[in-house]
PDB file of N, CA and C in Angstrom:
ATOM      1  N   MET A   1      -9.941  47.684  21.879  1.00  0.00           N
ATOM      2  CA  MET A   1      -8.865  47.105  21.084  1.00  0.00           C
ATOM      3  C   MET A   1      -9.407  46.603  19.749  1.00  0.00           C
ATOM      4  N   PRO A   2      -8.656  46.782  18.670  1.00  0.00           N
ATOM      5  CA  PRO A   2      -9.097  46.241  17.384  1.00  0.00           C
ATOM      6  C   PRO A   2      -8.971  44.720  17.365  1.00  0.00           C
ATOM      7  N   LYS A   3      -9.759  44.124  16.513  1.00  0.00           N
ATOM      8  CA  LYS A   3      -9.723  42.665  16.407  1.00  0.00           C
ATOM      9  C   LYS A   3      -8.482  42.213  15.652  1.00  0.00           C
ATOM     10  N   MET A   4      -8.043  40.988  15.960  1.00  0.00           N
ATOM     11  CA  MET A   4      -6.919  40.390  15.243  1.00  0.00           C
ATOM     12  C   MET A   4      -7.449  39.835  13.930  1.00  0.00           C
ATOM     13  N   LYS A   5      -6.904  40.292  12.819  1.00  0.00           N
ATOM     14  CA  LYS A   5      -7.385  39.861  11.508  1.00  0.00           C
ATOM     15  C   LYS A   5      -6.589  38.656  11.018  1.00  0.00           C
ATOM     16  N   THR A   6      -7.265  37.806  10.233  1.00  0.00           N
ATOM     17  CA  THR A   6      -6.597  36.696   9.574  1.00  0.00           C
ATOM     18  C   THR A   6      -5.878  37.230   8.343  1.00  0.00           C
ATOM     19  N   HIS A   7      -4.635  36.816   8.146  1.00  0.00           N
ATOM     20  CA  HIS A   7      -3.889  37.227   6.962  1.00  0.00           C
ATOM     21  C   HIS A   7      -4.454  36.463   5.771  1.00  0.00           C
ATOM     22  N   SER A   8      -5.073  37.165   4.845  1.00  0.00           N
ATOM     23  CA  SER A   8      -5.873  36.523   3.808  1.00  0.00           C
ATOM     24  C   SER A   8      -5.071  35.627   2.878  1.00  0.00           C
ATOM     25  N   SER A   9      -3.822  35.966   2.587  1.00  0.00           N
ATOM     26  CA  SER A   9      -3.053  35.118   1.675  1.00  0.00           C
ATOM     27  C   SER A   9      -2.661  33.807   2.337  1.00  0.00           C
ATOM     28  N   LEU A  10      -2.608  33.765   3.649  1.00  0.00           N
ATOM     29  CA  LEU A  10      -2.242  32.528   4.337  1.00  0.00           C
ATOM     30  C   LEU A  10      -3.379  31.520   4.352  1.00  0.00           C
ATOM     31  N   LYS A  11      -4.607  31.984   4.209  1.00  0.00           N
ATOM     32  CA  LYS A  11      -5.755  31.069   4.255  1.00  0.00           C
ATOM     33  C   LYS A  11      -5.675  30.006   3.170  1.00  0.00           C
ATOM     34  N   ASP A  12      -5.197  30.396   1.970  1.00  0.00           N
ATOM     35  CA  ASP A  12      -5.149  29.461   0.855  1.00  0.00           C
ATOM     36  C   ASP A  12      -3.856  28.652   0.825  1.00  0.00           C
ATOM     37  N   ARG A  13      -2.819  29.124   1.486  1.00  0.00           N
ATOM     38  CA  ARG A  13      -1.510  28.482   1.380  1.00  0.00           C
ATOM     39  C   ARG A  13      -1.262  27.444   2.456  1.00  0.00           C
ATOM     40  N   PHE A  14      -1.946  27.539   3.583  1.00  0.00           N
ATOM     41  CA  PHE A  14      -1.706  26.639   4.701  1.00  0.00           C
ATOM     42  C   PHE A  14      -3.025  26.122   5.252  1.00  0.00           C
ATOM     43  N   LYS A  15      -2.986  24.917   5.829  1.00  0.00           N
ATOM     44  CA  LYS A  15      -4.152  24.336   6.491  1.00  0.00           C
ATOM     45  C   LYS A  15      -3.722  23.892   7.882  1.00  0.00           C
ATOM     46  N   ILE A  16      -4.594  24.080   8.860  1.00  0.00           N
ATOM     47  CA  ILE A  16      -4.323  23.622  10.213  1.00  0.00           C
ATOM     48  C   ILE A  16      -5.080  22.316  10.428  1.00  0.00           C
ATOM     49  N   THR A  17      -4.373  21.280  10.878  1.00  0.00           N
ATOM     50  CA  THR A  17      -5.002  19.984  11.098  1.00  0.00           C
ATOM     51  C   THR A  17      -5.802  20.012  12.401  1.00  0.00           C
ATOM     52  N   GLY A  18      -6.526  18.957  12.654  1.00  0.00           N
ATOM     53  CA  GLY A  18      -7.329  18.881  13.860  1.00  0.00           C
ATOM     54  C   GLY A  18      -6.497  18.889  15.129  1.00  0.00           C
ATOM     55  N   THR A  19      -5.262  18.407  15.048  1.00  0.00           N
ATOM     56  CA  THR A  19      -4.395  18.379  16.227  1.00  0.00           C
ATOM     57  C   THR A  19      -3.544  19.632  16.348  1.00  0.00           C
ATOM     58  N   GLY A  20      -3.713  20.597  15.425  1.00  0.00           N
ATOM     59  CA  GLY A  20      -3.010  21.865  15.531  1.00  0.00           C
ATOM     60  C   GLY A  20      -1.735  21.964  14.726  1.00  0.00           C
ATOM     61  N   LYS A  21      -1.408  20.934  13.949  1.00  0.00           N
ATOM     62  CA  LYS A  21      -0.230  21.015  13.095  1.00  0.00           C
ATOM     63  C   LYS A  21      -0.566  21.820  11.845  1.00  0.00           C
ATOM     64  N   VAL A  22       0.455  22.351  11.190  1.00  0.00           N
ATOM     65  CA  VAL A  22       0.251  23.194  10.008  1.00  0.00           C
ATOM     66  C   VAL A  22       0.786  22.460   8.784  1.00  0.00           C
ATOM     67  N   LYS A  23      -0.092  22.275   7.779  1.00  0.00           N
ATOM     68  CA  LYS A  23       0.299  21.647   6.530  1.00  0.00           C
ATOM     69  C   LYS A  23       0.514  22.723   5.483  1.00  0.00           C
ATOM     70  N   ARG A  24       1.455  22.460   4.564  1.00  0.00           N
ATOM     71  CA  ARG A  24       1.759  23.410   3.502  1.00  0.00           C
ATOM     72  C   ARG A  24       1.714  22.693   2.161  1.00  0.00           C
ATOM     73  N   TYR A  25       1.689  23.472   1.099  1.00  0.00           N
ATOM     74  CA  TYR A  25       1.739  22.925  -0.250  1.00  0.00           C
ATOM     75  C   TYR A  25       3.161  23.047  -0.783  1.00  0.00           C
ATOM     76  N   LYS A  26       3.533  22.172  -1.706  1.00  0.00           N
ATOM     77  CA  LYS A  26       4.860  22.215  -2.302  1.00  0.00           C
ATOM     78  C   LYS A  26       4.850  23.099  -3.553  1.00  0.00           C
ATOM     79  N   ALA A  27       6.012  23.645  -3.861  1.00  0.00           N
ATOM     80  CA  ALA A  27       6.171  24.456  -5.055  1.00  0.00           C
ATOM     81  C   ALA A  27       6.328  23.563  -6.283  1.00  0.00           C
ATOM     82  N   PHE A  28       6.247  24.146  -7.457  1.00  0.00           N
ATOM     83  CA  PHE A  28       6.473  23.492  -8.752  1.00  0.00           C
ATOM     84  C   PHE A  28       5.378  22.500  -9.111  1.00  0.00           C
ATOM     85  N   ARG A  29       4.164  22.673  -8.627  1.00  0.00           N
ATOM     86  CA  ARG A  29       3.097  21.711  -8.917  1.00  0.00           C
ATOM     87  C   ARG A  29       1.906  22.391  -9.581  1.00  0.00           C
ATOM     88  N   ASN A  30       2.061  23.639 -10.021  1.00  0.00           N
ATOM     89  CA  ASN A  30       0.910  24.375 -10.533  1.00  0.00           C
ATOM     90  C   ASN A  30       0.790  24.379 -12.049  1.00  0.00           C
ATOM     91  N   HIS A  31       1.874  24.535 -12.751  1.00  0.00           N
ATOM     92  CA  HIS A  31       1.779  24.622 -14.211  1.00  0.00           C
ATOM     93  C   HIS A  31       3.049  24.054 -14.816  1.00  0.00           C
ATOM     94  N   LEU A  32       3.078  23.945 -16.149  1.00  0.00           N
ATOM     95  CA  LEU A  32       4.194  23.334 -16.874  1.00  0.00           C
ATOM     96  C   LEU A  32       4.433  21.903 -16.414  1.00  0.00           C
ATOM     97  N   LEU A  33       3.357  21.153 -16.249  1.00  0.00           N
ATOM     98  CA  LEU A  33       3.476  19.800 -15.722  1.00  0.00           C
ATOM     99  C   LEU A  33       3.722  18.764 -16.806  1.00  0.00           C
ATOM    100  N   SER A  34       3.555  19.120 -18.074  1.00  0.00           N
ATOM    101  CA  SER A  34       3.624  18.111 -19.127  1.00  0.00           C
ATOM    102  C   SER A  34       5.038  17.559 -19.300  1.00  0.00           C
ATOM    103  N   HIS A  35       6.062  18.346 -19.019  1.00  0.00           N
ATOM    104  CA  HIS A  35       7.426  17.836 -19.199  1.00  0.00           C
ATOM    105  C   HIS A  35       8.007  17.234 -17.926  1.00  0.00           C
ATOM    106  N   LYS A  36       7.293  17.313 -16.815  1.00  0.00           N
ATOM    107  CA  LYS A  36       7.781  16.729 -15.569  1.00  0.00           C
ATOM    108  C   LYS A  36       7.409  15.256 -15.520  1.00  0.00           C
ATOM    109  N   SER A  37       8.260  14.467 -14.922  1.00  0.00           N
ATOM    110  CA  SER A  37       8.027  13.025 -14.886  1.00  0.00           C
ATOM    111  C   SER A  37       6.895  12.701 -13.911  1.00  0.00           C
ATOM    112  N   GLY A  38       6.326  11.536 -14.081  1.00  0.00           N
ATOM    113  CA  GLY A  38       5.264  11.107 -13.173  1.00  0.00           C
ATOM    114  C   GLY A  38       5.748  10.979 -11.749  1.00  0.00           C
ATOM    115  N   ARG A  39       6.987  10.521 -11.604  1.00  0.00           N
ATOM    116  CA  ARG A  39       7.542  10.383 -10.255  1.00  0.00           C
ATOM    117  C   ARG A  39       7.662  11.747  -9.578  1.00  0.00           C
ATOM    118  N   GLN A  40       8.127  12.734 -10.328  1.00  0.00           N
ATOM    119  CA  GLN A  40       8.277  14.072  -9.759  1.00  0.00           C
ATOM    120  C   GLN A  40       6.924  14.635  -9.343  1.00  0.00           C
ATOM    121  N   LYS A  41       5.897  14.409 -10.165  1.00  0.00           N
ATOM    122  CA  LYS A  41       4.563  14.920  -9.835  1.00  0.00           C
ATOM    123  C   LYS A  41       3.976  14.204  -8.626  1.00  0.00           C
ATOM    124  N   ARG A  42       4.245  12.906  -8.498  1.00  0.00           N
ATOM    125  CA  ARG A  42       3.764  12.167  -7.321  1.00  0.00           C
ATOM    126  C   ARG A  42       4.423  12.672  -6.042  1.00  0.00           C
ATOM    127  N   VAL A  43       5.724  12.913  -6.105  1.00  0.00           N
ATOM    128  CA  VAL A  43       6.452  13.394  -4.931  1.00  0.00           C
ATOM    129  C   VAL A  43       5.956  14.786  -4.527  1.00  0.00           C
ATOM    130  N   LEU A  44       5.655  15.615  -5.519  1.00  0.00           N
ATOM    131  CA  LEU A  44       5.196  16.975  -5.227  1.00  0.00           C
ATOM    132  C   LEU A  44       3.750  17.011  -4.748  1.00  0.00           C
ATOM    133  N   ALA A  45       3.019  15.907  -4.889  1.00  0.00           N
ATOM    134  CA  ALA A  45       1.597  15.917  -4.555  1.00  0.00           C
ATOM    135  C   ALA A  45       1.344  15.931  -3.057  1.00  0.00           C
ATOM    136  N   GLY A  46       2.309  15.514  -2.247  1.00  0.00           N
ATOM    137  CA  GLY A  46       2.087  15.450  -0.811  1.00  0.00           C
ATOM    138  C   GLY A  46       1.992  16.822  -0.174  1.00  0.00           C
ATOM    139  N   GLN A  47       1.471  16.843   1.028  1.00  0.00           N
ATOM    140  CA  GLN A  47       1.387  18.080   1.804  1.00  0.00           C
ATOM    141  C   GLN A  47       2.156  17.882   3.104  1.00  0.00           C
ATOM    142  N   PRO A  48       3.437  18.285   3.136  1.00  0.00           N
ATOM    143  CA  PRO A  48       4.235  18.071   4.344  1.00  0.00           C
ATOM    144  C   PRO A  48       3.859  19.051   5.448  1.00  0.00           C
ATOM    145  N   LEU A  49       4.307  18.742   6.656  1.00  0.00           N
ATOM    146  CA  LEU A  49       4.089  19.626   7.788  1.00  0.00           C
ATOM    147  C   LEU A  49       5.136  20.733   7.777  1.00  0.00           C
ATOM    148  N   MET A  50       4.754  21.872   8.310  1.00  0.00           N
ATOM    149  CA  MET A  50       5.674  22.998   8.386  1.00  0.00           C
ATOM    150  C   MET A  50       6.784  22.700   9.390  1.00  0.00           C
ATOM    151  N   ALA A  51       7.933  23.319   9.189  1.00  0.00           N
ATOM    152  CA  ALA A  51       9.033  23.203  10.131  1.00  0.00           C
ATOM    153  C   ALA A  51       8.617  23.827  11.465  1.00  0.00           C
ATOM    154  N   ALA A  52       9.130  23.257  12.537  1.00  0.00           N
ATOM    155  CA  ALA A  52       8.707  23.677  13.884  1.00  0.00           C
ATOM    156  C   ALA A  52       8.980  25.154  14.136  1.00  0.00           C
ATOM    157  N   GLY A  53      10.069  25.688  13.578  1.00  0.00           N
ATOM    158  CA  GLY A  53      10.410  27.082  13.830  1.00  0.00           C
ATOM    159  C   GLY A  53       9.457  28.072  13.190  1.00  0.00           C
ATOM    160  N   ASP A  54       8.712  27.646  12.162  1.00  0.00           N
ATOM    161  CA  ASP A  54       7.814  28.554  11.463  1.00  0.00           C
ATOM    162  C   ASP A  54       6.370  28.472  11.943  1.00  0.00           C
ATOM    163  N   VAL A  55       6.040  27.450  12.720  1.00  0.00           N
ATOM    164  CA  VAL A  55       4.636  27.179  13.051  1.00  0.00           C
ATOM    165  C   VAL A  55       4.014  28.319  13.843  1.00  0.00           C
ATOM    166  N   ARG A  56       4.750  28.861  14.814  1.00  0.00           N
ATOM    167  CA  ARG A  56       4.169  29.904  15.659  1.00  0.00           C
ATOM    168  C   ARG A  56       3.805  31.138  14.847  1.00  0.00           C
ATOM    169  N   ARG A  57       4.674  31.516  13.904  1.00  0.00           N
ATOM    170  CA  ARG A  57       4.426  32.696  13.081  1.00  0.00           C
ATOM    171  C   ARG A  57       3.244  32.483  12.142  1.00  0.00           C
ATOM    172  N   ILE A  58       3.137  31.280  11.572  1.00  0.00           N
ATOM    173  CA  ILE A  58       2.023  30.984  10.670  1.00  0.00           C
ATOM    174  C   ILE A  58       0.710  30.965  11.450  1.00  0.00           C
ATOM    175  N   LYS A  59       0.701  30.332  12.617  1.00  0.00           N
ATOM    176  CA  LYS A  59      -0.539  30.264  13.408  1.00  0.00           C
ATOM    177  C   LYS A  59      -0.999  31.651  13.843  1.00  0.00           C
ATOM    178  N   GLN A  60      -0.069  32.559  14.073  1.00  0.00           N
ATOM    179  CA  GLN A  60      -0.461  33.919  14.440  1.00  0.00           C
ATOM    180  C   GLN A  60      -1.186  34.590  13.281  1.00  0.00           C
ATOM    181  N   GLY A  61      -0.747  34.359  12.067  1.00  0.00           N
ATOM    182  CA  GLY A  61      -1.421  34.933  10.896  1.00  0.00           C
ATOM    183  C   GLY A  61      -2.750  34.285  10.629  1.00  0.00           C
ATOM    184  N   LEU A  62      -2.915  33.028  11.067  1.00  0.00           N
ATOM    185  CA  LEU A  62      -4.172  32.292  10.852  1.00  0.00           C
ATOM    186  C   LEU A  62      -5.008  32.252  12.127  1.00  0.00           C
ATOM    187  N   SER A  63      -4.841  33.222  12.995  1.00  0.00           N
ATOM    188  CA  SER A  63      -5.379  33.140  14.346  1.00  0.00           C
ATOM    189  C   SER A  63      -6.881  32.938  14.417  1.00  0.00           C
ATOM    190  N   ASN A  64      -7.642  33.444  13.454  1.00  0.00           N
ATOM    191  CA  ASN A  64      -9.099  33.348  13.558  1.00  0.00           C
ATOM    192  C   ASN A  64      -9.678  32.128  12.878  1.00  0.00           C
ATOM    193  N   LEU A  65      -8.852  31.301  12.225  1.00  0.00           N
ATOM    194  CA  LEU A  65      -9.395  30.144  11.532  1.00  0.00           C
ATOM    195  C   LEU A  65      -9.675  28.983  12.478  1.00  0.00           C
ATOM    196  N   LYS A  66      -8.782  28.761  13.453  1.00  0.00           N
ATOM    197  CA  LYS A  66      -8.971  27.663  14.405  1.00  0.00           C
ATOM    198  C   LYS A  66      -8.363  27.993  15.716  1.00  0.00           C
TER     199      LYS A  66
END
């Protein structure tokens, strides 16, 4: 049987915590930041957890990381 490969684009977009939860990054935080308010940038700085319905699919793509 062939090995299960890690989906390479998912490695940079998601992180798996020590307890197995999946953290994601928020959109709108990469460029054009000079006109955004400080409050908006602070709110976007967090890394929320993925919705429960998506976790299984993401973990399958990241199967070899943890």
